[in-house]
Amino acid sequence: MKNLFKKTMLLALAAALMVASLPFVSVSAAGADDPTPPPQGEVTDERLERVWARQQRLYERLGKGFDHADEFTERIQSLIDRAEENGKDASAVQSALDAFEAAIEEAQPIYESGKDIVNSHQGFDENGKVTDLELAKETVQAMHEKMEEIKTAMNGTGKALREAIKAFRQANPRPTTTPAP
């Protein structure tokens, strides 16, 4: 009896394993003659509206950066001048600042030319809703290309300036004052 129970359990376990290994979902591939690709990455009105809104926010933020670039560079220049007066070597920061200023001069006209895209907003209404899908795609693509031009013109000089300032601060920490007893 014990032997029969063991054999039955072993047979049931083997059957359960075989059933578990069977596929529950069938998969089929398109035939070689099927000309229609599956609909993936389809551009919808909602997606274009989100991208356009994000591009406008980025464009506005860039504008604020360009508006305050003179103040920013003057502030950094005064810090460099003060450091040099104190006998510290700020040449790396100065060269990074010079490169940043040159990049700003090159990128600002590109930014200004993007105003035409934003103002015309072809394919979108005043509220950023798609009115013409194809024109909206072209507008988003044109704005993307304009942003890429600005990025190329800036060439990472903002990050290089931040890194130079960070390295300068690490090499020249502020003196700590000890409290009077």
N, C-alpha and C. Protein backbone atom coordinates (compact mmCIF):
# COMPACT_ATOMS: atom_id res chain seq x y z
N MET A 1 0.81 -1.17 0.00
CA MET A 1 0.00 0.00 0.00
C MET A 1 0.87 1.25 0.00
N LYS A 2 1.88 1.23 0.83
CA LYS A 2 2.80 2.35 0.91
C LYS A 2 3.50 2.57 -0.43
N ASN A 3 3.88 1.51 -1.06
CA ASN A 3 4.56 1.58 -2.35
C ASN A 3 3.63 2.14 -3.42
N LEU A 4 2.37 1.77 -3.41
CA LEU A 4 1.40 2.26 -4.37
C LEU A 4 1.18 3.77 -4.20
N PHE A 5 1.13 4.22 -2.93
CA PHE A 5 0.95 5.64 -2.64
C PHE A 5 2.14 6.45 -3.17
N LYS A 6 3.35 5.94 -2.97
CA LYS A 6 4.56 6.63 -3.46
C LYS A 6 4.53 6.75 -4.98
N LYS A 7 4.17 5.67 -5.65
CA LYS A 7 4.14 5.67 -7.11
C LYS A 7 3.07 6.63 -7.62
N THR A 8 1.94 6.69 -6.97
CA THR A 8 0.86 7.58 -7.38
C THR A 8 1.28 9.04 -7.22
N MET A 9 1.89 9.33 -6.10
CA MET A 9 2.35 10.70 -5.84
C MET A 9 3.43 11.11 -6.84
N LEU A 10 4.35 10.21 -7.14
CA LEU A 10 5.41 10.48 -8.10
C LEU A 10 4.82 10.72 -9.49
N LEU A 11 3.83 9.93 -9.88
CA LEU A 11 3.17 10.10 -11.16
C LEU A 11 2.41 11.43 -11.21
N ALA A 12 1.74 11.80 -10.12
CA ALA A 12 1.00 13.07 -10.07
C ALA A 12 1.97 14.25 -10.15
N LEU A 13 3.09 14.15 -9.47
CA LEU A 13 4.11 15.22 -9.49
C LEU A 13 4.69 15.37 -10.90
N ALA A 14 4.97 14.27 -11.56
CA ALA A 14 5.50 14.32 -12.92
C ALA A 14 4.47 14.93 -13.87
N ALA A 15 3.20 14.58 -13.70
CA ALA A 15 2.15 15.13 -14.55
C ALA A 15 2.01 16.64 -14.32
N ALA A 16 2.10 17.06 -13.06
CA ALA A 16 2.01 18.49 -12.75
C ALA A 16 3.17 19.26 -13.37
N LEU A 17 4.36 18.72 -13.34
CA LEU A 17 5.51 19.36 -13.96
C LEU A 17 5.35 19.47 -15.47
N MET A 18 4.81 18.44 -16.09
CA MET A 18 4.62 18.48 -17.53
C MET A 18 3.56 19.53 -17.91
N VAL A 19 2.49 19.62 -17.14
CA VAL A 19 1.45 20.60 -17.41
C VAL A 19 2.00 22.01 -17.19
N ALA A 20 2.84 22.18 -16.17
CA ALA A 20 3.41 23.49 -15.89
C ALA A 20 4.36 23.94 -16.99
N SER A 21 4.96 23.00 -17.69
CA SER A 21 5.91 23.39 -18.74
C SER A 21 5.22 23.74 -20.05
N LEU A 22 3.92 23.49 -20.17
CA LEU A 22 3.20 23.82 -21.38
C LEU A 22 2.96 25.33 -21.46
N PRO A 23 3.05 25.90 -22.66
CA PRO A 23 2.80 27.35 -22.79
C PRO A 23 1.31 27.66 -22.65
N PHE A 24 1.00 28.73 -21.92
CA PHE A 24 -0.38 29.13 -21.74
C PHE A 24 -0.77 30.23 -22.72
N VAL A 25 0.20 30.88 -23.33
CA VAL A 25 -0.06 31.96 -24.26
C VAL A 25 0.52 31.56 -25.61
N SER A 26 -0.26 31.71 -26.62
CA SER A 26 0.27 31.41 -27.94
C SER A 26 0.86 32.67 -28.55
N VAL A 27 1.93 32.52 -29.27
CA VAL A 27 2.62 33.63 -29.89
C VAL A 27 2.69 33.36 -31.38
N SER A 28 2.39 34.38 -32.17
CA SER A 28 2.51 34.20 -33.60
C SER A 28 3.21 35.42 -34.17
N ALA A 29 3.98 35.20 -35.18
CA ALA A 29 4.72 36.28 -35.84
C ALA A 29 4.05 36.60 -37.16
N ALA A 30 4.26 37.81 -37.61
CA ALA A 30 3.72 38.20 -38.91
C ALA A 30 4.45 37.45 -40.00
N GLY A 31 3.73 37.13 -41.03
CA GLY A 31 4.34 36.41 -42.13
C GLY A 31 5.30 37.30 -42.90
N ALA A 32 6.12 36.70 -43.72
CA ALA A 32 7.11 37.45 -44.49
C ALA A 32 6.45 38.39 -45.49
N ASP A 33 5.21 38.08 -45.90
CA ASP A 33 4.52 38.90 -46.89
C ASP A 33 3.71 40.03 -46.26
N ASP A 34 3.62 40.08 -44.94
CA ASP A 34 2.79 41.07 -44.27
C ASP A 34 3.45 42.45 -44.34
N PRO A 35 2.89 43.41 -45.12
CA PRO A 35 3.53 44.71 -45.31
C PRO A 35 3.29 45.70 -44.16
N THR A 36 2.31 45.46 -43.30
CA THR A 36 2.00 46.45 -42.26
C THR A 36 2.79 46.16 -41.00
N PRO A 37 3.63 47.11 -40.59
CA PRO A 37 4.37 46.91 -39.34
C PRO A 37 3.44 47.11 -38.15
N PRO A 38 3.78 46.56 -37.02
CA PRO A 38 2.93 46.77 -35.85
C PRO A 38 2.94 48.24 -35.44
N PRO A 39 1.82 48.77 -34.93
CA PRO A 39 1.75 50.19 -34.56
C PRO A 39 2.49 50.47 -33.25
N GLN A 40 3.74 50.79 -33.34
CA GLN A 40 4.51 51.13 -32.14
C GLN A 40 5.11 52.52 -32.32
N GLY A 41 5.18 53.27 -31.24
CA GLY A 41 5.75 54.61 -31.30
C GLY A 41 4.90 55.58 -32.10
N GLU A 42 3.61 55.30 -32.20
CA GLU A 42 2.73 56.16 -32.97
C GLU A 42 2.63 57.52 -32.28
N VAL A 43 2.75 58.58 -33.04
CA VAL A 43 2.69 59.93 -32.49
C VAL A 43 1.24 60.34 -32.36
N THR A 44 0.86 60.68 -31.14
CA THR A 44 -0.51 61.10 -30.89
C THR A 44 -0.54 62.60 -30.60
N ASP A 45 -1.75 63.16 -30.67
CA ASP A 45 -1.91 64.57 -30.35
C ASP A 45 -1.44 64.86 -28.93
N GLU A 46 -1.81 63.99 -27.99
CA GLU A 46 -1.46 64.22 -26.59
C GLU A 46 0.06 64.23 -26.39
N ARG A 47 0.72 63.30 -27.06
CA ARG A 47 2.18 63.24 -26.92
C ARG A 47 2.83 64.50 -27.49
N LEU A 48 2.38 64.95 -28.65
CA LEU A 48 2.91 66.17 -29.24
C LEU A 48 2.65 67.38 -28.33
N GLU A 49 1.48 67.42 -27.73
CA GLU A 49 1.16 68.53 -26.83
C GLU A 49 2.09 68.54 -25.61
N ARG A 50 2.37 67.36 -25.07
CA ARG A 50 3.29 67.28 -23.91
C ARG A 50 4.70 67.71 -24.32
N VAL A 51 5.16 67.23 -25.46
CA VAL A 51 6.51 67.58 -25.93
C VAL A 51 6.60 69.08 -26.19
N TRP A 52 5.58 69.64 -26.83
CA TRP A 52 5.58 71.07 -27.15
C TRP A 52 5.60 71.90 -25.86
N ALA A 53 4.81 71.50 -24.87
CA ALA A 53 4.78 72.22 -23.59
C ALA A 53 6.15 72.15 -22.91
N ARG A 54 6.78 70.98 -22.95
CA ARG A 54 8.12 70.82 -22.34
C ARG A 54 9.14 71.69 -23.09
N GLN A 55 9.06 71.72 -24.41
CA GLN A 55 9.99 72.54 -25.19
C GLN A 55 9.80 74.03 -24.88
N GLN A 56 8.56 74.45 -24.71
CA GLN A 56 8.31 75.85 -24.39
C GLN A 56 8.86 76.21 -23.01
N ARG A 57 8.69 75.30 -22.03
CA ARG A 57 9.25 75.56 -20.69
C ARG A 57 10.77 75.65 -20.75
N LEU A 58 11.39 74.76 -21.49
CA LEU A 58 12.84 74.77 -21.63
C LEU A 58 13.30 76.05 -22.33
N TYR A 59 12.58 76.45 -23.36
CA TYR A 59 12.93 77.66 -24.10
C TYR A 59 12.83 78.88 -23.19
N GLU A 60 11.80 78.93 -22.38
CA GLU A 60 11.62 80.04 -21.44
C GLU A 60 12.75 80.07 -20.40
N ARG A 61 13.11 78.89 -19.90
CA ARG A 61 14.20 78.81 -18.92
C ARG A 61 15.52 79.25 -19.55
N LEU A 62 15.76 78.85 -20.80
CA LEU A 62 16.97 79.30 -21.49
C LEU A 62 16.98 80.82 -21.64
N GLY A 63 15.81 81.38 -21.95
CA GLY A 63 15.70 82.84 -22.09
C GLY A 63 16.07 83.55 -20.81
N LYS A 64 15.60 83.02 -19.69
CA LYS A 64 15.95 83.62 -18.39
C LYS A 64 17.45 83.52 -18.15
N GLY A 65 18.03 82.42 -18.55
CA GLY A 65 19.48 82.26 -18.40
C GLY A 65 20.25 83.26 -19.24
N PHE A 66 19.81 83.44 -20.48
CA PHE A 66 20.47 84.43 -21.34
C PHE A 66 20.27 85.84 -20.81
N ASP A 67 19.08 86.12 -20.26
CA ASP A 67 18.82 87.45 -19.71
C ASP A 67 19.74 87.78 -18.53
N HIS A 68 20.07 86.77 -17.74
CA HIS A 68 20.89 87.00 -16.55
C HIS A 68 22.36 86.63 -16.75
N ALA A 69 22.74 86.32 -17.98
CA ALA A 69 24.12 85.89 -18.24
C ALA A 69 25.13 86.98 -17.93
N ASP A 70 24.80 88.24 -18.26
CA ASP A 70 25.73 89.34 -17.99
C ASP A 70 25.97 89.50 -16.49
N GLU A 71 24.89 89.48 -15.72
CA GLU A 71 25.02 89.59 -14.27
C GLU A 71 25.85 88.44 -13.71
N PHE A 72 25.56 87.24 -14.20
CA PHE A 72 26.27 86.05 -13.73
C PHE A 72 27.77 86.14 -14.03
N THR A 73 28.11 86.50 -15.26
CA THR A 73 29.53 86.56 -15.63
C THR A 73 30.24 87.68 -14.88
N GLU A 74 29.55 88.80 -14.64
CA GLU A 74 30.16 89.89 -13.87
C GLU A 74 30.43 89.45 -12.44
N ARG A 75 29.50 88.71 -11.86
CA ARG A 75 29.68 88.22 -10.49
C ARG A 75 30.86 87.25 -10.41
N ILE A 76 30.97 86.35 -11.37
CA ILE A 76 32.09 85.40 -11.38
C ILE A 76 33.40 86.15 -11.61
N GLN A 77 33.38 87.12 -12.51
CA GLN A 77 34.60 87.90 -12.78
C GLN A 77 35.06 88.64 -11.53
N SER A 78 34.13 89.20 -10.76
CA SER A 78 34.53 89.91 -9.54
C SER A 78 35.11 88.93 -8.52
N LEU A 79 34.58 87.72 -8.46
CA LEU A 79 35.16 86.72 -7.56
C LEU A 79 36.57 86.33 -8.00
N ILE A 80 36.76 86.22 -9.30
CA ILE A 80 38.10 85.89 -9.83
C ILE A 80 39.07 87.02 -9.49
N ASP A 81 38.64 88.26 -9.72
CA ASP A 81 39.50 89.41 -9.43
C ASP A 81 39.87 89.45 -7.95
N ARG A 82 38.91 89.20 -7.09
CA ARG A 82 39.18 89.21 -5.66
C ARG A 82 40.16 88.09 -5.26
N ALA A 83 39.99 86.92 -5.86
CA ALA A 83 40.89 85.80 -5.57
C ALA A 83 42.31 86.12 -6.02
N GLU A 84 42.44 86.73 -7.20
CA GLU A 84 43.77 87.08 -7.70
C GLU A 84 44.42 88.17 -6.84
N GLU A 85 43.61 89.09 -6.31
CA GLU A 85 44.13 90.11 -5.39
C GLU A 85 44.68 89.48 -4.13
N ASN A 86 44.09 88.35 -3.73
CA ASN A 86 44.56 87.64 -2.54
C ASN A 86 45.68 86.67 -2.86
N GLY A 87 46.21 86.74 -4.09
CA GLY A 87 47.35 85.91 -4.46
C GLY A 87 47.01 84.49 -4.86
N LYS A 88 45.77 84.21 -5.17
CA LYS A 88 45.37 82.85 -5.55
C LYS A 88 45.33 82.74 -7.07
N ASP A 89 45.64 81.55 -7.55
CA ASP A 89 45.64 81.30 -8.99
C ASP A 89 44.24 80.92 -9.45
N ALA A 90 43.60 81.81 -10.17
CA ALA A 90 42.24 81.57 -10.67
C ALA A 90 42.24 81.51 -12.20
N SER A 91 43.36 81.14 -12.78
CA SER A 91 43.46 81.14 -14.24
C SER A 91 42.54 80.09 -14.88
N ALA A 92 42.35 78.95 -14.22
CA ALA A 92 41.47 77.92 -14.79
C ALA A 92 40.02 78.41 -14.81
N VAL A 93 39.62 79.11 -13.75
CA VAL A 93 38.27 79.65 -13.69
C VAL A 93 38.12 80.76 -14.73
N GLN A 94 39.17 81.57 -14.89
CA GLN A 94 39.12 82.66 -15.87
C GLN A 94 38.98 82.12 -17.29
N SER A 95 39.74 81.09 -17.61
CA SER A 95 39.64 80.55 -18.98
C SER A 95 38.28 79.87 -19.19
N ALA A 96 37.74 79.22 -18.16
CA ALA A 96 36.40 78.62 -18.28
C ALA A 96 35.34 79.70 -18.45
N LEU A 97 35.50 80.81 -17.73
CA LEU A 97 34.56 81.93 -17.85
C LEU A 97 34.65 82.54 -19.24
N ASP A 98 35.86 82.71 -19.77
CA ASP A 98 36.03 83.26 -21.12
C ASP A 98 35.35 82.37 -22.17
N ALA A 99 35.52 81.07 -22.03
CA ALA A 99 34.89 80.13 -22.97
C ALA A 99 33.37 80.19 -22.85
N PHE A 100 32.88 80.32 -21.62
CA PHE A 100 31.44 80.43 -21.38
C PHE A 100 30.88 81.69 -22.03
N GLU A 101 31.56 82.81 -21.86
CA GLU A 101 31.10 84.07 -22.45
C GLU A 101 31.09 83.99 -23.97
N ALA A 102 32.11 83.37 -24.56
CA ALA A 102 32.15 83.22 -26.02
C ALA A 102 31.00 82.33 -26.50
N ALA A 103 30.71 81.28 -25.75
CA ALA A 103 29.62 80.38 -26.12
C ALA A 103 28.28 81.09 -26.01
N ILE A 104 28.11 81.92 -25.00
CA ILE A 104 26.87 82.69 -24.85
C ILE A 104 26.67 83.60 -26.05
N GLU A 105 27.74 84.26 -26.47
CA GLU A 105 27.65 85.15 -27.63
C GLU A 105 27.26 84.39 -28.90
N GLU A 106 27.72 83.15 -29.01
CA GLU A 106 27.39 82.34 -30.18
C GLU A 106 25.98 81.76 -30.08
N ALA A 107 25.54 81.39 -28.89
CA ALA A 107 24.26 80.71 -28.72
C ALA A 107 23.07 81.67 -28.66
N GLN A 108 23.29 82.90 -28.22
CA GLN A 108 22.17 83.81 -28.05
C GLN A 108 21.44 84.12 -29.36
N PRO A 109 22.14 84.36 -30.48
CA PRO A 109 21.40 84.57 -31.73
C PRO A 109 20.60 83.33 -32.17
N ILE A 110 21.12 82.17 -31.87
CA ILE A 110 20.38 80.94 -32.20
C ILE A 110 19.10 80.89 -31.37
N TYR A 111 19.23 81.24 -30.09
CA TYR A 111 18.06 81.29 -29.21
C TYR A 111 17.03 82.29 -29.75
N GLU A 112 17.50 83.46 -30.14
CA GLU A 112 16.59 84.50 -30.66
C GLU A 112 15.86 84.02 -31.91
N SER A 113 16.55 83.26 -32.76
CA SER A 113 15.89 82.77 -33.97
C SER A 113 14.81 81.74 -33.65
N GLY A 114 14.86 81.15 -32.48
CA GLY A 114 13.82 80.21 -32.07
C GLY A 114 12.50 80.88 -31.71
N LYS A 115 12.54 82.20 -31.50
CA LYS A 115 11.30 82.92 -31.17
C LYS A 115 10.28 82.81 -32.29
N ASP A 116 10.76 82.75 -33.54
CA ASP A 116 9.83 82.62 -34.67
C ASP A 116 9.04 81.32 -34.57
N ILE A 117 9.70 80.24 -34.17
CA ILE A 117 9.03 78.94 -34.03
C ILE A 117 7.99 79.01 -32.92
N VAL A 118 8.39 79.59 -31.78
CA VAL A 118 7.48 79.68 -30.64
C VAL A 118 6.29 80.57 -30.96
N ASN A 119 6.55 81.71 -31.59
CA ASN A 119 5.47 82.65 -31.88
C ASN A 119 4.50 82.12 -32.94
N SER A 120 5.01 81.43 -33.95
CA SER A 120 4.12 80.93 -35.00
C SER A 120 3.38 79.66 -34.56
N HIS A 121 4.01 78.85 -33.72
CA HIS A 121 3.48 77.59 -33.19
C HIS A 121 2.56 76.88 -34.17
N GLN A 122 3.08 76.66 -35.37
CA GLN A 122 2.29 76.03 -36.43
C GLN A 122 1.86 74.62 -36.01
N GLY A 123 0.58 74.35 -36.23
CA GLY A 123 0.03 73.05 -35.88
C GLY A 123 -0.54 73.02 -34.47
N PHE A 124 -0.34 74.09 -33.71
CA PHE A 124 -0.86 74.18 -32.34
C PHE A 124 -1.71 75.44 -32.22
N ASP A 125 -2.72 75.39 -31.35
CA ASP A 125 -3.50 76.60 -31.10
C ASP A 125 -2.84 77.39 -29.96
N GLU A 126 -3.50 78.45 -29.52
CA GLU A 126 -2.94 79.32 -28.48
C GLU A 126 -2.72 78.60 -27.16
N ASN A 127 -3.50 77.54 -26.93
CA ASN A 127 -3.41 76.79 -25.67
C ASN A 127 -2.48 75.59 -25.77
N GLY A 128 -1.81 75.44 -26.90
CA GLY A 128 -0.88 74.32 -27.07
C GLY A 128 -1.55 73.03 -27.50
N LYS A 129 -2.77 73.09 -27.96
CA LYS A 129 -3.48 71.90 -28.43
C LYS A 129 -3.23 71.73 -29.93
N VAL A 130 -3.08 70.48 -30.35
CA VAL A 130 -2.79 70.18 -31.75
C VAL A 130 -4.00 70.51 -32.62
N THR A 131 -3.74 71.29 -33.68
CA THR A 131 -4.78 71.58 -34.66
C THR A 131 -4.50 70.88 -35.98
N ASP A 132 -3.22 70.67 -36.29
CA ASP A 132 -2.80 69.98 -37.51
C ASP A 132 -1.63 69.07 -37.14
N LEU A 133 -1.85 67.78 -37.19
CA LEU A 133 -0.86 66.81 -36.73
C LEU A 133 0.48 66.94 -37.46
N GLU A 134 0.45 67.04 -38.76
CA GLU A 134 1.70 67.09 -39.54
C GLU A 134 2.47 68.39 -39.27
N LEU A 135 1.77 69.53 -39.23
CA LEU A 135 2.44 70.79 -38.92
C LEU A 135 2.99 70.79 -37.50
N ALA A 136 2.24 70.19 -36.58
CA ALA A 136 2.70 70.11 -35.19
C ALA A 136 3.97 69.28 -35.10
N LYS A 137 4.03 68.17 -35.84
CA LYS A 137 5.25 67.35 -35.86
C LYS A 137 6.43 68.16 -36.37
N GLU A 138 6.21 68.91 -37.45
CA GLU A 138 7.28 69.74 -38.03
C GLU A 138 7.74 70.81 -37.04
N THR A 139 6.79 71.41 -36.32
CA THR A 139 7.13 72.45 -35.35
C THR A 139 7.96 71.88 -34.22
N VAL A 140 7.54 70.74 -33.69
CA VAL A 140 8.28 70.10 -32.60
C VAL A 140 9.67 69.71 -33.07
N GLN A 141 9.78 69.19 -34.30
CA GLN A 141 11.09 68.81 -34.83
C GLN A 141 11.98 70.04 -35.03
N ALA A 142 11.41 71.12 -35.55
CA ALA A 142 12.19 72.35 -35.75
C ALA A 142 12.68 72.90 -34.42
N MET A 143 11.83 72.85 -33.40
CA MET A 143 12.23 73.34 -32.08
C MET A 143 13.32 72.45 -31.49
N HIS A 144 13.19 71.15 -31.70
CA HIS A 144 14.22 70.21 -31.23
C HIS A 144 15.56 70.53 -31.87
N GLU A 145 15.54 70.77 -33.18
CA GLU A 145 16.79 71.10 -33.88
C GLU A 145 17.39 72.40 -33.37
N LYS A 146 16.53 73.38 -33.07
CA LYS A 146 17.01 74.67 -32.54
C LYS A 146 17.67 74.47 -31.17
N MET A 147 17.05 73.65 -30.33
CA MET A 147 17.63 73.36 -29.01
C MET A 147 18.97 72.63 -29.14
N GLU A 148 19.05 71.75 -30.10
CA GLU A 148 20.31 71.04 -30.33
C GLU A 148 21.40 72.01 -30.80
N GLU A 149 21.02 72.98 -31.64
CA GLU A 149 21.99 73.99 -32.08
C GLU A 149 22.51 74.78 -30.89
N ILE A 150 21.62 75.16 -30.00
CA ILE A 150 22.03 75.92 -28.80
C ILE A 150 22.95 75.06 -27.95
N LYS A 151 22.61 73.80 -27.78
CA LYS A 151 23.44 72.89 -26.98
C LYS A 151 24.83 72.75 -27.61
N THR A 152 24.87 72.63 -28.92
CA THR A 152 26.15 72.52 -29.62
C THR A 152 26.97 73.80 -29.48
N ALA A 153 26.31 74.94 -29.57
CA ALA A 153 27.01 76.22 -29.44
C ALA A 153 27.58 76.40 -28.03
N MET A 154 26.82 75.96 -27.03
CA MET A 154 27.29 76.09 -25.65
C MET A 154 28.43 75.11 -25.37
N ASN A 155 28.40 73.96 -26.00
CA ASN A 155 29.49 72.99 -25.98
C ASN A 155 29.94 72.62 -24.57
N GLY A 156 29.02 72.58 -23.62
CA GLY A 156 29.36 72.16 -22.27
C GLY A 156 30.14 73.18 -21.46
N THR A 157 30.17 74.43 -21.92
CA THR A 157 30.98 75.44 -21.22
C THR A 157 30.40 75.80 -19.86
N GLY A 158 29.09 75.72 -19.71
CA GLY A 158 28.48 76.00 -18.41
C GLY A 158 28.92 74.97 -17.38
N LYS A 159 28.90 73.72 -17.76
CA LYS A 159 29.34 72.65 -16.86
C LYS A 159 30.83 72.78 -16.57
N ALA A 160 31.61 73.11 -17.58
CA ALA A 160 33.05 73.28 -17.38
C ALA A 160 33.33 74.43 -16.42
N LEU A 161 32.55 75.51 -16.50
CA LEU A 161 32.72 76.63 -15.58
C LEU A 161 32.38 76.21 -14.15
N ARG A 162 31.28 75.48 -13.99
CA ARG A 162 30.91 74.99 -12.65
C ARG A 162 32.01 74.10 -12.08
N GLU A 163 32.55 73.23 -12.91
CA GLU A 163 33.62 72.32 -12.46
C GLU A 163 34.88 73.10 -12.08
N ALA A 164 35.21 74.13 -12.86
CA ALA A 164 36.40 74.95 -12.55
C ALA A 164 36.21 75.68 -11.23
N ILE A 165 35.02 76.21 -11.00
CA ILE A 165 34.74 76.90 -9.74
C ILE A 165 34.82 75.91 -8.58
N LYS A 166 34.26 74.74 -8.78
CA LYS A 166 34.29 73.70 -7.73
C LYS A 166 35.73 73.30 -7.40
N ALA A 167 36.54 73.10 -8.45
CA ALA A 167 37.95 72.73 -8.23
C ALA A 167 38.70 73.85 -7.53
N PHE A 168 38.41 75.12 -7.89
CA PHE A 168 39.05 76.25 -7.24
C PHE A 168 38.68 76.30 -5.77
N ARG A 169 37.43 76.08 -5.47
CA ARG A 169 36.98 76.11 -4.07
C ARG A 169 37.59 74.98 -3.25
N GLN A 170 37.77 73.83 -3.86
CA GLN A 170 38.39 72.72 -3.15
C GLN A 170 39.87 73.00 -2.90
N ALA A 171 40.52 73.63 -3.87
CA ALA A 171 41.95 73.94 -3.72
C ALA A 171 42.16 75.13 -2.79
N ASN A 172 41.18 76.01 -2.68
CA ASN A 172 41.29 77.21 -1.86
C ASN A 172 40.08 77.32 -0.93
N PRO A 173 40.02 76.48 0.11
CA PRO A 173 38.86 76.56 0.99
C PRO A 173 38.83 77.87 1.77
N ARG A 174 37.65 78.26 2.15
CA ARG A 174 37.52 79.47 2.95
C ARG A 174 38.17 79.24 4.31
N PRO A 175 38.84 80.28 4.81
CA PRO A 175 39.44 80.10 6.15
C PRO A 175 38.34 80.00 7.20
N THR A 176 38.57 79.13 8.14
CA THR A 176 37.59 78.99 9.21
C THR A 176 38.02 79.87 10.38
N THR A 177 37.06 80.49 10.97
CA THR A 177 37.34 81.33 12.13
C THR A 177 37.08 80.55 13.39
N THR A 178 37.94 80.70 14.34
CA THR A 178 37.73 80.01 15.60
C THR A 178 37.01 80.96 16.56
N PRO A 179 36.07 80.45 17.27
CA PRO A 179 35.31 81.32 18.18
C PRO A 179 36.20 81.80 19.33
N ALA A 180 35.96 83.03 19.71
CA ALA A 180 36.74 83.60 20.82
C ALA A 180 36.27 82.99 22.13
N PRO A 181 37.25 82.70 23.02
CA PRO A 181 36.86 82.08 24.30
C PRO A 181 36.19 83.04 25.25
